[in-house]
All heavy atoms as atom14 arrays in JSON, in Angstrom:
{
  "sequence": "EELIGKFRPDALAIEELFFNQNVTTGIGVAQARGVILMTAEKMGLPIY",
  "atom14_mask": [
    [1, 1, 1, 1, 1, 1, 1, 1, 1, 0, 0, 0, 0, 0],
    [1, 1, 1, 1, 1, 1, 1, 1, 1, 0, 0, 0, 0, 0],
    [1, 1, 1, 1, 1, 1, 1, 1, 0, 0, 0, 0, 0, 0],
    [1, 1, 1, 1, 1, 1, 1, 1, 0, 0, 0, 0, 0, 0],
    [1, 1, 1, 1, 0, 0, 0, 0, 0, 0, 0, 0, 0, 0],
    [1, 1, 1, 1, 1, 1, 1, 1, 1, 0, 0, 0, 0, 0],
    [1, 1, 1, 1, 1, 1, 1, 1, 1, 1, 1, 0, 0, 0],
    [1, 1, 1, 1, 1, 1, 1, 1, 1, 1, 1, 0, 0, 0],
    [1, 1, 1, 1, 1, 1, 1, 0, 0, 0, 0, 0, 0, 0],
    [1, 1, 1, 1, 1, 1, 1, 1, 0, 0, 0, 0, 0, 0],
    [1, 1, 1, 1, 1, 0, 0, 0, 0, 0, 0, 0, 0, 0],
    [1, 1, 1, 1, 1, 1, 1, 1, 0, 0, 0, 0, 0, 0],
    [1, 1, 1, 1, 1, 0, 0, 0, 0, 0, 0, 0, 0, 0],
    [1, 1, 1, 1, 1, 1, 1, 1, 0, 0, 0, 0, 0, 0],
    [1, 1, 1, 1, 1, 1, 1, 1, 1, 0, 0, 0, 0, 0],
    [1, 1, 1, 1, 1, 1, 1, 1, 1, 0, 0, 0, 0, 0],
    [1, 1, 1, 1, 1, 1, 1, 1, 0, 0, 0, 0, 0, 0],
    [1, 1, 1, 1, 1, 1, 1, 1, 1, 1, 1, 0, 0, 0],
    [1, 1, 1, 1, 1, 1, 1, 1, 1, 1, 1, 0, 0, 0],
    [1, 1, 1, 1, 1, 1, 1, 1, 0, 0, 0, 0, 0, 0],
    [1, 1, 1, 1, 1, 1, 1, 1, 1, 0, 0, 0, 0, 0],
    [1, 1, 1, 1, 1, 1, 1, 1, 0, 0, 0, 0, 0, 0],
    [1, 1, 1, 1, 1, 1, 1, 0, 0, 0, 0, 0, 0, 0],
    [1, 1, 1, 1, 1, 1, 1, 0, 0, 0, 0, 0, 0, 0],
    [1, 1, 1, 1, 1, 1, 1, 0, 0, 0, 0, 0, 0, 0],
    [1, 1, 1, 1, 0, 0, 0, 0, 0, 0, 0, 0, 0, 0],
    [1, 1, 1, 1, 1, 1, 1, 1, 0, 0, 0, 0, 0, 0],
    [1, 1, 1, 1, 0, 0, 0, 0, 0, 0, 0, 0, 0, 0],
    [1, 1, 1, 1, 1, 1, 1, 0, 0, 0, 0, 0, 0, 0],
    [1, 1, 1, 1, 1, 0, 0, 0, 0, 0, 0, 0, 0, 0],
    [1, 1, 1, 1, 1, 1, 1, 1, 1, 0, 0, 0, 0, 0],
    [1, 1, 1, 1, 1, 0, 0, 0, 0, 0, 0, 0, 0, 0],
    [1, 1, 1, 1, 1, 1, 1, 1, 1, 1, 1, 0, 0, 0],
    [1, 1, 1, 1, 0, 0, 0, 0, 0, 0, 0, 0, 0, 0],
    [1, 1, 1, 1, 1, 1, 1, 0, 0, 0, 0, 0, 0, 0],
    [1, 1, 1, 1, 1, 1, 1, 1, 0, 0, 0, 0, 0, 0],
    [1, 1, 1, 1, 1, 1, 1, 1, 0, 0, 0, 0, 0, 0],
    [1, 1, 1, 1, 1, 1, 1, 1, 0, 0, 0, 0, 0, 0],
    [1, 1, 1, 1, 1, 1, 1, 0, 0, 0, 0, 0, 0, 0],
    [1, 1, 1, 1, 1, 0, 0, 0, 0, 0, 0, 0, 0, 0],
    [1, 1, 1, 1, 1, 1, 1, 1, 1, 0, 0, 0, 0, 0],
    [1, 1, 1, 1, 1, 1, 1, 1, 1, 0, 0, 0, 0, 0],
    [1, 1, 1, 1, 1, 1, 1, 1, 0, 0, 0, 0, 0, 0],
    [1, 1, 1, 1, 0, 0, 0, 0, 0, 0, 0, 0, 0, 0],
    [1, 1, 1, 1, 1, 1, 1, 1, 0, 0, 0, 0, 0, 0],
    [1, 1, 1, 1, 1, 1, 1, 0, 0, 0, 0, 0, 0, 0],
    [1, 1, 1, 1, 1, 1, 1, 1, 0, 0, 0, 0, 0, 0],
    [1, 1, 1, 1, 1, 1, 1, 1, 1, 1, 1, 1, 0, 0]
  ],
  "atom14_positions": [
    [[41.34, -70.07, -48.26], [41.9, -71.2, -47.57], [41.08, -72.59, -48.0], [41.7, -73.54, -48.34], [41.76, -71.1, -46.04], [43.04, -71.31, -45.29], [42.94, -71.11, -43.85], [41.76, -71.0, -43.33], [43.9, -70.99, -43.25], [0.0, 0.0, 0.0], [0.0, 0.0, 0.0], [0.0, 0.0, 0.0], [0.0, 0.0, 0.0], [0.0, 0.0, 0.0]],
    [[39.8, -72.4, -48.11], [38.88, -73.52, -48.52], [39.16, -73.86, -49.97], [39.28, -75.02, -50.34], [37.48, -73.17, -48.3], [36.51, -74.26, -48.61], [35.01, -73.79, -48.42], [34.76, -73.06, -47.35], [34.21, -74.22, -49.2], [0.0, 0.0, 0.0], [0.0, 0.0, 0.0], [0.0, 0.0, 0.0], [0.0, 0.0, 0.0], [0.0, 0.0, 0.0]],
    [[39.28, -72.84, -50.82], [39.62, -73.08, -52.28], [40.89, -73.72, -52.48], [41.05, -74.86, -53.26], [39.59, -71.79, -52.95], [39.74, -71.8, -54.49], [38.53, -72.41, -55.11], [39.98, -70.38, -55.03], [0.0, 0.0, 0.0], [0.0, 0.0, 0.0], [0.0, 0.0, 0.0], [0.0, 0.0, 0.0], [0.0, 0.0, 0.0], [0.0, 0.0, 0.0]],
    [[41.97, -73.37, -51.8], [43.39, -74.05, -51.84], [43.24, -75.42, -51.29], [43.87, -76.32, -51.88], [44.35, -73.13, -51.09], [44.57, -71.78, -51.87], [45.66, -73.92, -51.0], [45.31, -70.73, -51.19], [0.0, 0.0, 0.0], [0.0, 0.0, 0.0], [0.0, 0.0, 0.0], [0.0, 0.0, 0.0], [0.0, 0.0, 0.0], [0.0, 0.0, 0.0]],
    [[42.59, -75.58, -50.23], [42.37, -76.95, -49.66], [41.68, -77.87, -50.59], [42.06, -79.06, -50.67], [0.0, 0.0, 0.0], [0.0, 0.0, 0.0], [0.0, 0.0, 0.0], [0.0, 0.0, 0.0], [0.0, 0.0, 0.0], [0.0, 0.0, 0.0], [0.0, 0.0, 0.0], [0.0, 0.0, 0.0], [0.0, 0.0, 0.0], [0.0, 0.0, 0.0]],
    [[40.71, -77.43, -51.23], [39.99, -78.34, -52.14], [40.72, -78.65, -53.36], [40.68, -79.91, -53.75], [38.66, -77.56, -52.52], [37.8, -78.34, -53.47], [36.58, -77.62, -53.88], [35.75, -78.31, -54.94], [34.48, -77.6, -55.35], [0.0, 0.0, 0.0], [0.0, 0.0, 0.0], [0.0, 0.0, 0.0], [0.0, 0.0, 0.0], [0.0, 0.0, 0.0]],
    [[41.39, -77.74, -54.1], [42.1, -77.9, -55.26], [43.55, -78.33, -55.16], [44.09, -78.82, -56.1], [41.82, -76.8, -56.25], [40.46, -76.68, -56.83], [39.57, -75.88, -56.29], [39.94, -77.6, -57.92], [38.33, -75.73, -56.74], [38.76, -77.44, -58.31], [37.88, -76.54, -57.74], [0.0, 0.0, 0.0], [0.0, 0.0, 0.0], [0.0, 0.0, 0.0]],
    [[44.21, -77.96, -54.07], [45.54, -78.21, -53.83], [46.49, -77.72, -55.14], [47.22, -78.55, -55.61], [45.85, -79.65, -53.6], [45.09, -80.32, -52.49], [45.97, -79.98, -51.18], [45.15, -80.51, -50.02], [45.15, -79.89, -48.9], [45.75, -78.71, -48.78], [44.54, -80.47, -47.81], [0.0, 0.0, 0.0], [0.0, 0.0, 0.0], [0.0, 0.0, 0.0]],
    [[46.4, -76.51, -55.5], [47.26, -76.0, -56.6], [48.79, -76.09, -56.19], [49.15, -76.15, -55.01], [46.76, -74.58, -56.71], [46.27, -74.15, -55.41], [45.66, -75.32, -54.77], [0.0, 0.0, 0.0], [0.0, 0.0, 0.0], [0.0, 0.0, 0.0], [0.0, 0.0, 0.0], [0.0, 0.0, 0.0], [0.0, 0.0, 0.0], [0.0, 0.0, 0.0]],
    [[49.57, -76.02, -57.21], [51.08, -76.06, -57.07], [51.59, -74.67, -56.94], [52.84, -74.62, -56.44], [51.69, -76.81, -58.28], [51.13, -78.19, -58.45], [51.46, -79.0, -57.52], [50.55, -78.57, -59.53], [0.0, 0.0, 0.0], [0.0, 0.0, 0.0], [0.0, 0.0, 0.0], [0.0, 0.0, 0.0], [0.0, 0.0, 0.0], [0.0, 0.0, 0.0]],
    [[50.94, -73.64, -57.46], [51.45, -72.29, -57.33], [50.24, -71.3, -57.41], [49.09, -71.65, -57.82], [52.31, -71.99, -58.58], [0.0, 0.0, 0.0], [0.0, 0.0, 0.0], [0.0, 0.0, 0.0], [0.0, 0.0, 0.0], [0.0, 0.0, 0.0], [0.0, 0.0, 0.0], [0.0, 0.0, 0.0], [0.0, 0.0, 0.0], [0.0, 0.0, 0.0]],
    [[50.59, -70.1, -56.77], [49.57, -69.0, -56.9], [50.14, -67.9, -57.73], [51.26, -67.53, -57.58], [49.26, -68.47, -55.51], [48.23, -67.32, -55.51], [47.09, -67.74, -54.54], [48.89, -66.04, -55.21], [0.0, 0.0, 0.0], [0.0, 0.0, 0.0], [0.0, 0.0, 0.0], [0.0, 0.0, 0.0], [0.0, 0.0, 0.0], [0.0, 0.0, 0.0]],
    [[49.5, -67.47, -58.68], [49.95, -66.3, -59.6], [48.92, -65.21, -59.36], [47.63, -65.36, -59.46], [49.83, -66.7, -61.13], [0.0, 0.0, 0.0], [0.0, 0.0, 0.0], [0.0, 0.0, 0.0], [0.0, 0.0, 0.0], [0.0, 0.0, 0.0], [0.0, 0.0, 0.0], [0.0, 0.0, 0.0], [0.0, 0.0, 0.0], [0.0, 0.0, 0.0]],
    [[49.44, -64.07, -59.05], [48.52, -62.88, -58.62], [48.96, -61.62, -59.39], [50.19, -61.4, -59.72], [48.62, -62.7, -57.12], [47.5, -61.69, -56.72], [50.03, -62.39, -56.62], [47.36, -61.56, -55.23], [0.0, 0.0, 0.0], [0.0, 0.0, 0.0], [0.0, 0.0, 0.0], [0.0, 0.0, 0.0], [0.0, 0.0, 0.0], [0.0, 0.0, 0.0]],
    [[48.05, -60.79, -59.74], [48.36, -59.62, -60.4], [48.91, -58.57, -59.31], [48.39, -58.39, -58.2], [47.14, -58.93, -61.07], [47.36, -57.75, -61.89], [46.26, -57.36, -62.8], [45.16, -56.97, -62.24], [46.42, -57.43, -63.97], [0.0, 0.0, 0.0], [0.0, 0.0, 0.0], [0.0, 0.0, 0.0], [0.0, 0.0, 0.0], [0.0, 0.0, 0.0]],
    [[49.93, -57.91, -59.8], [50.53, -56.81, -59.03], [49.49, -55.68, -58.97], [48.8, -55.47, -59.9], [51.91, -56.3, -59.55], [53.05, -57.3, -59.37], [54.34, -56.81, -59.93], [54.34, -55.82, -60.65], [55.26, -57.6, -59.78], [0.0, 0.0, 0.0], [0.0, 0.0, 0.0], [0.0, 0.0, 0.0], [0.0, 0.0, 0.0], [0.0, 0.0, 0.0]],
    [[49.6, -54.95, -57.91], [48.68, -53.81, -57.78], [49.17, -52.61, -58.4], [50.33, -52.28, -58.3], [48.46, -53.52, -56.23], [47.47, -52.53, -55.86], [46.07, -52.87, -56.36], [47.45, -52.26, -54.35], [0.0, 0.0, 0.0], [0.0, 0.0, 0.0], [0.0, 0.0, 0.0], [0.0, 0.0, 0.0], [0.0, 0.0, 0.0], [0.0, 0.0, 0.0]],
    [[48.29, -51.81, -59.12], [48.6, -50.66, -59.69], [47.45, -49.64, -59.36], [46.29, -50.07, -59.39], [48.95, -50.68, -61.23], [47.76, -50.92, -62.06], [47.18, -49.93, -62.69], [47.28, -52.24, -62.14], [46.03, -50.15, -63.52], [46.12, -52.4, -63.02], [45.56, -51.45, -63.65], [0.0, 0.0, 0.0], [0.0, 0.0, 0.0], [0.0, 0.0, 0.0]],
    [[47.87, -48.5, -59.17], [46.72, -47.41, -58.83], [46.49, -46.66, -60.13], [47.37, -46.15, -60.74], [47.2, -46.52, -57.86], [47.33, -47.02, -56.45], [48.54, -47.6, -55.99], [46.21, -47.05, -55.45], [48.64, -48.2, -54.7], [46.32, -47.68, -54.24], [47.5, -48.15, -53.86], [0.0, 0.0, 0.0], [0.0, 0.0, 0.0], [0.0, 0.0, 0.0]],
    [[45.16, -46.55, -60.5], [44.92, -45.62, -61.56], [44.58, -44.34, -60.93], [45.4, -43.47, -60.82], [43.8, -46.13, -62.52], [42.68, -46.97, -61.85], [42.53, -46.88, -60.57], [41.85, -47.59, -62.54], [0.0, 0.0, 0.0], [0.0, 0.0, 0.0], [0.0, 0.0, 0.0], [0.0, 0.0, 0.0], [0.0, 0.0, 0.0], [0.0, 0.0, 0.0]],
    [[43.32, -43.99, -60.57], [42.95, -42.77, -59.95], [42.45, -42.73, -58.6], [42.58, -41.81, -57.87], [42.1, -41.91, -60.89], [42.74, -41.58, -62.21], [41.8, -40.74, -63.18], [40.65, -40.85, -62.98], [42.44, -40.07, -64.0], [0.0, 0.0, 0.0], [0.0, 0.0, 0.0], [0.0, 0.0, 0.0], [0.0, 0.0, 0.0], [0.0, 0.0, 0.0]],
    [[41.73, -43.88, -58.27], [41.1, -43.89, -56.97], [41.98, -44.51, -55.99], [41.91, -45.78, -55.69], [39.69, -44.61, -57.1], [38.87, -44.54, -55.77], [39.38, -44.26, -54.77], [37.58, -44.75, -55.99], [0.0, 0.0, 0.0], [0.0, 0.0, 0.0], [0.0, 0.0, 0.0], [0.0, 0.0, 0.0], [0.0, 0.0, 0.0], [0.0, 0.0, 0.0]],
    [[42.59, -43.69, -55.15], [43.61, -44.25, -54.12], [42.95, -44.91, -52.92], [43.35, -45.91, -52.4], [44.57, -43.09, -53.66], [45.39, -43.57, -52.53], [45.44, -42.47, -54.8], [0.0, 0.0, 0.0], [0.0, 0.0, 0.0], [0.0, 0.0, 0.0], [0.0, 0.0, 0.0], [0.0, 0.0, 0.0], [0.0, 0.0, 0.0], [0.0, 0.0, 0.0]],
    [[41.72, -44.46, -52.6], [40.94, -44.99, -51.55], [40.54, -46.49, -51.86], [40.72, -47.32, -51.03], [39.76, -44.2, -51.27], [40.02, -42.91, -50.96], [38.88, -44.74, -50.13], [0.0, 0.0, 0.0], [0.0, 0.0, 0.0], [0.0, 0.0, 0.0], [0.0, 0.0, 0.0], [0.0, 0.0, 0.0], [0.0, 0.0, 0.0], [0.0, 0.0, 0.0]],
    [[40.14, -46.72, -53.04], [39.76, -48.08, -53.49], [41.12, -48.86, -53.52], [41.12, -50.13, -53.03], [39.12, -48.09, -54.85], [37.91, -47.38, -54.8], [38.91, -49.49, -55.35], [0.0, 0.0, 0.0], [0.0, 0.0, 0.0], [0.0, 0.0, 0.0], [0.0, 0.0, 0.0], [0.0, 0.0, 0.0], [0.0, 0.0, 0.0], [0.0, 0.0, 0.0]],
    [[42.14, -48.31, -53.97], [43.41, -49.04, -54.13], [43.95, -49.45, -52.74], [44.59, -50.57, -52.65], [0.0, 0.0, 0.0], [0.0, 0.0, 0.0], [0.0, 0.0, 0.0], [0.0, 0.0, 0.0], [0.0, 0.0, 0.0], [0.0, 0.0, 0.0], [0.0, 0.0, 0.0], [0.0, 0.0, 0.0], [0.0, 0.0, 0.0], [0.0, 0.0, 0.0]],
    [[43.69, -48.7, -51.76], [44.17, -49.13, -50.43], [43.44, -50.38, -49.96], [44.01, -51.29, -49.46], [43.97, -47.9, -49.34], [45.0, -46.84, -49.74], [44.16, -48.38, -47.94], [44.77, -45.58, -48.96], [0.0, 0.0, 0.0], [0.0, 0.0, 0.0], [0.0, 0.0, 0.0], [0.0, 0.0, 0.0], [0.0, 0.0, 0.0], [0.0, 0.0, 0.0]],
    [[42.09, -50.39, -50.24], [41.24, -51.54, -49.85], [41.77, -52.77, -50.59], [41.9, -53.83, -49.98], [0.0, 0.0, 0.0], [0.0, 0.0, 0.0], [0.0, 0.0, 0.0], [0.0, 0.0, 0.0], [0.0, 0.0, 0.0], [0.0, 0.0, 0.0], [0.0, 0.0, 0.0], [0.0, 0.0, 0.0], [0.0, 0.0, 0.0], [0.0, 0.0, 0.0]],
    [[42.03, -52.63, -51.79], [42.5, -53.68, -52.76], [43.87, -54.19, -52.18], [44.17, -55.34, -52.16], [42.6, -53.26, -54.19], [43.16, -54.47, -54.96], [41.13, -53.09, -54.69], [0.0, 0.0, 0.0], [0.0, 0.0, 0.0], [0.0, 0.0, 0.0], [0.0, 0.0, 0.0], [0.0, 0.0, 0.0], [0.0, 0.0, 0.0], [0.0, 0.0, 0.0]],
    [[44.76, -53.2, -51.84], [46.02, -53.61, -51.37], [45.9, -54.42, -50.03], [46.71, -55.42, -49.74], [46.86, -52.28, -51.14], [0.0, 0.0, 0.0], [0.0, 0.0, 0.0], [0.0, 0.0, 0.0], [0.0, 0.0, 0.0], [0.0, 0.0, 0.0], [0.0, 0.0, 0.0], [0.0, 0.0, 0.0], [0.0, 0.0, 0.0], [0.0, 0.0, 0.0]],
    [[44.95, -54.04, -49.07], [44.79, -54.87, -47.87], [44.3, -56.25, -48.29], [44.73, -57.24, -47.63], [43.77, -54.16, -47.05], [44.34, -52.85, -46.43], [43.43, -52.04, -45.7], [42.18, -52.0, -45.86], [43.9, -51.33, -44.62], [0.0, 0.0, 0.0], [0.0, 0.0, 0.0], [0.0, 0.0, 0.0], [0.0, 0.0, 0.0], [0.0, 0.0, 0.0]],
    [[43.34, -56.39, -49.24], [42.88, -57.69, -49.61], [43.94, -58.44, -50.28], [44.18, -59.68, -50.0], [41.71, -57.54, -50.62], [0.0, 0.0, 0.0], [0.0, 0.0, 0.0], [0.0, 0.0, 0.0], [0.0, 0.0, 0.0], [0.0, 0.0, 0.0], [0.0, 0.0, 0.0], [0.0, 0.0, 0.0], [0.0, 0.0, 0.0], [0.0, 0.0, 0.0]],
    [[44.87, -57.87, -51.06], [45.96, -58.52, -51.7], [46.91, -59.07, -50.55], [47.42, -60.11, -50.71], [46.69, -57.6, -52.61], [47.71, -58.23, -53.5], [48.27, -57.16, -54.6], [49.24, -57.81, -55.34], [50.49, -58.03, -55.07], [50.92, -57.6, -53.89], [51.33, -58.65, -55.9], [0.0, 0.0, 0.0], [0.0, 0.0, 0.0], [0.0, 0.0, 0.0]],
    [[47.15, -58.29, -49.6], [47.96, -58.76, -48.53], [47.46, -59.91, -47.77], [48.22, -60.9, -47.41], [0.0, 0.0, 0.0], [0.0, 0.0, 0.0], [0.0, 0.0, 0.0], [0.0, 0.0, 0.0], [0.0, 0.0, 0.0], [0.0, 0.0, 0.0], [0.0, 0.0, 0.0], [0.0, 0.0, 0.0], [0.0, 0.0, 0.0], [0.0, 0.0, 0.0]],
    [[46.15, -59.99, -47.63], [45.45, -61.15, -46.97], [45.62, -62.32, -47.91], [45.93, -63.47, -47.45], [43.97, -61.0, -46.69], [43.22, -62.21, -46.37], [43.77, -59.9, -45.54], [0.0, 0.0, 0.0], [0.0, 0.0, 0.0], [0.0, 0.0, 0.0], [0.0, 0.0, 0.0], [0.0, 0.0, 0.0], [0.0, 0.0, 0.0], [0.0, 0.0, 0.0]],
    [[45.5, -62.12, -49.32], [45.68, -63.35, -50.13], [47.07, -63.84, -50.12], [47.31, -65.05, -50.1], [45.23, -62.76, -51.58], [43.73, -62.5, -51.75], [45.67, -63.8, -52.66], [43.34, -61.61, -52.88], [0.0, 0.0, 0.0], [0.0, 0.0, 0.0], [0.0, 0.0, 0.0], [0.0, 0.0, 0.0], [0.0, 0.0, 0.0], [0.0, 0.0, 0.0]],
    [[48.03, -62.93, -50.15], [49.45, -63.32, -50.09], [49.74, -64.07, -48.83], [50.49, -65.09, -48.76], [50.46, -62.06, -50.28], [50.43, -61.39, -51.56], [51.23, -60.14, -51.56], [50.81, -62.29, -52.72], [0.0, 0.0, 0.0], [0.0, 0.0, 0.0], [0.0, 0.0, 0.0], [0.0, 0.0, 0.0], [0.0, 0.0, 0.0], [0.0, 0.0, 0.0]],
    [[49.29, -63.55, -47.64], [49.4, -64.17, -46.38], [48.86, -65.57, -46.4], [49.5, -66.56, -45.92], [48.87, -63.33, -45.25], [48.97, -63.81, -43.87], [47.79, -65.02, -43.25], [46.26, -64.03, -43.6], [0.0, 0.0, 0.0], [0.0, 0.0, 0.0], [0.0, 0.0, 0.0], [0.0, 0.0, 0.0], [0.0, 0.0, 0.0], [0.0, 0.0, 0.0]],
    [[47.8, -65.77, -46.87], [47.05, -66.96, -46.96], [47.75, -68.12, -47.8], [48.06, -69.19, -47.34], [45.58, -66.9, -47.5], [44.84, -65.93, -46.72], [44.85, -68.24, -47.5], [0.0, 0.0, 0.0], [0.0, 0.0, 0.0], [0.0, 0.0, 0.0], [0.0, 0.0, 0.0], [0.0, 0.0, 0.0], [0.0, 0.0, 0.0], [0.0, 0.0, 0.0]],
    [[48.28, -67.61, -48.94], [49.04, -68.51, -49.85], [50.36, -68.87, -49.1], [50.79, -70.06, -49.15], [49.34, -67.86, -51.12], [0.0, 0.0, 0.0], [0.0, 0.0, 0.0], [0.0, 0.0, 0.0], [0.0, 0.0, 0.0], [0.0, 0.0, 0.0], [0.0, 0.0, 0.0], [0.0, 0.0, 0.0], [0.0, 0.0, 0.0], [0.0, 0.0, 0.0]],
    [[51.02, -67.95, -48.51], [52.26, -68.22, -47.84], [51.95, -69.19, -46.64], [52.76, -70.09, -46.37], [52.93, -66.92, -47.28], [54.22, -67.14, -46.59], [55.39, -67.41, -47.56], [55.22, -67.14, -48.76], [56.36, -68.01, -47.09], [0.0, 0.0, 0.0], [0.0, 0.0, 0.0], [0.0, 0.0, 0.0], [0.0, 0.0, 0.0], [0.0, 0.0, 0.0]],
    [[50.96, -68.99, -45.8], [50.61, -69.84, -44.77], [50.38, -71.26, -45.21], [50.59, -72.19, -44.58], [49.31, -69.27, -44.05], [48.79, -70.16, -42.96], [47.55, -69.56, -42.45], [46.86, -70.52, -41.39], [45.44, -70.08, -41.15], [0.0, 0.0, 0.0], [0.0, 0.0, 0.0], [0.0, 0.0, 0.0], [0.0, 0.0, 0.0], [0.0, 0.0, 0.0]],
    [[49.86, -71.45, -46.37], [49.46, -72.71, -46.96], [50.63, -73.35, -47.84], [50.46, -74.45, -48.35], [48.15, -72.67, -47.67], [47.01, -72.25, -46.71], [45.37, -72.46, -47.45], [45.22, -74.22, -47.25], [0.0, 0.0, 0.0], [0.0, 0.0, 0.0], [0.0, 0.0, 0.0], [0.0, 0.0, 0.0], [0.0, 0.0, 0.0], [0.0, 0.0, 0.0]],
    [[51.75, -72.69, -47.69], [52.9, -73.22, -48.46], [52.95, -73.11, -49.96], [53.67, -73.82, -50.64], [0.0, 0.0, 0.0], [0.0, 0.0, 0.0], [0.0, 0.0, 0.0], [0.0, 0.0, 0.0], [0.0, 0.0, 0.0], [0.0, 0.0, 0.0], [0.0, 0.0, 0.0], [0.0, 0.0, 0.0], [0.0, 0.0, 0.0], [0.0, 0.0, 0.0]],
    [[52.11, -72.25, -50.44], [52.09, -72.16, -51.94], [53.21, -71.17, -52.46], [53.33, -70.08, -51.98], [50.7, -71.45, -52.42], [49.54, -72.41, -52.71], [48.4, -71.58, -53.19], [50.04, -73.35, -53.85], [0.0, 0.0, 0.0], [0.0, 0.0, 0.0], [0.0, 0.0, 0.0], [0.0, 0.0, 0.0], [0.0, 0.0, 0.0], [0.0, 0.0, 0.0]],
    [[53.89, -71.53, -53.42], [54.86, -70.58, -54.08], [54.04, -69.43, -54.75], [53.01, -69.7, -55.32], [55.47, -71.37, -55.2], [55.35, -72.75, -54.74], [54.07, -72.81, -54.07], [0.0, 0.0, 0.0], [0.0, 0.0, 0.0], [0.0, 0.0, 0.0], [0.0, 0.0, 0.0], [0.0, 0.0, 0.0], [0.0, 0.0, 0.0], [0.0, 0.0, 0.0]],
    [[54.46, -68.14, -54.63], [53.81, -67.04, -55.06], [54.53, -66.45, -56.26], [55.74, -66.17, -56.07], [53.61, -66.0, -53.91], [52.77, -66.67, -52.79], [52.78, -64.84, -54.44], [52.83, -65.93, -51.51], [0.0, 0.0, 0.0], [0.0, 0.0, 0.0], [0.0, 0.0, 0.0], [0.0, 0.0, 0.0], [0.0, 0.0, 0.0], [0.0, 0.0, 0.0]],
    [[53.79, -66.09, -57.27], [54.41, -65.43, -58.45], [53.57, -64.18, -58.76], [52.32, -64.31, -58.83], [54.44, -66.36, -59.67], [55.27, -67.61, -59.44], [54.57, -68.73, -58.82], [56.51, -67.73, -59.81], [55.37, -69.89, -58.65], [57.16, -68.84, -59.56], [56.69, -69.88, -59.0], [57.39, -71.13, -58.8], [0.0, 0.0, 0.0], [0.0, 0.0, 0.0]]
  ]
}
């Protein structure tokens, strides 16, 4: 939120999640990715 507020980007581009072998790590990354998407949406950033 602070980073977006400081730079005011026009769009957010994020890597889609893919699991290689460690599903446990993937679940944590998926939760973080969800927070990132929610934050961008909350701040009105188009997401790609």
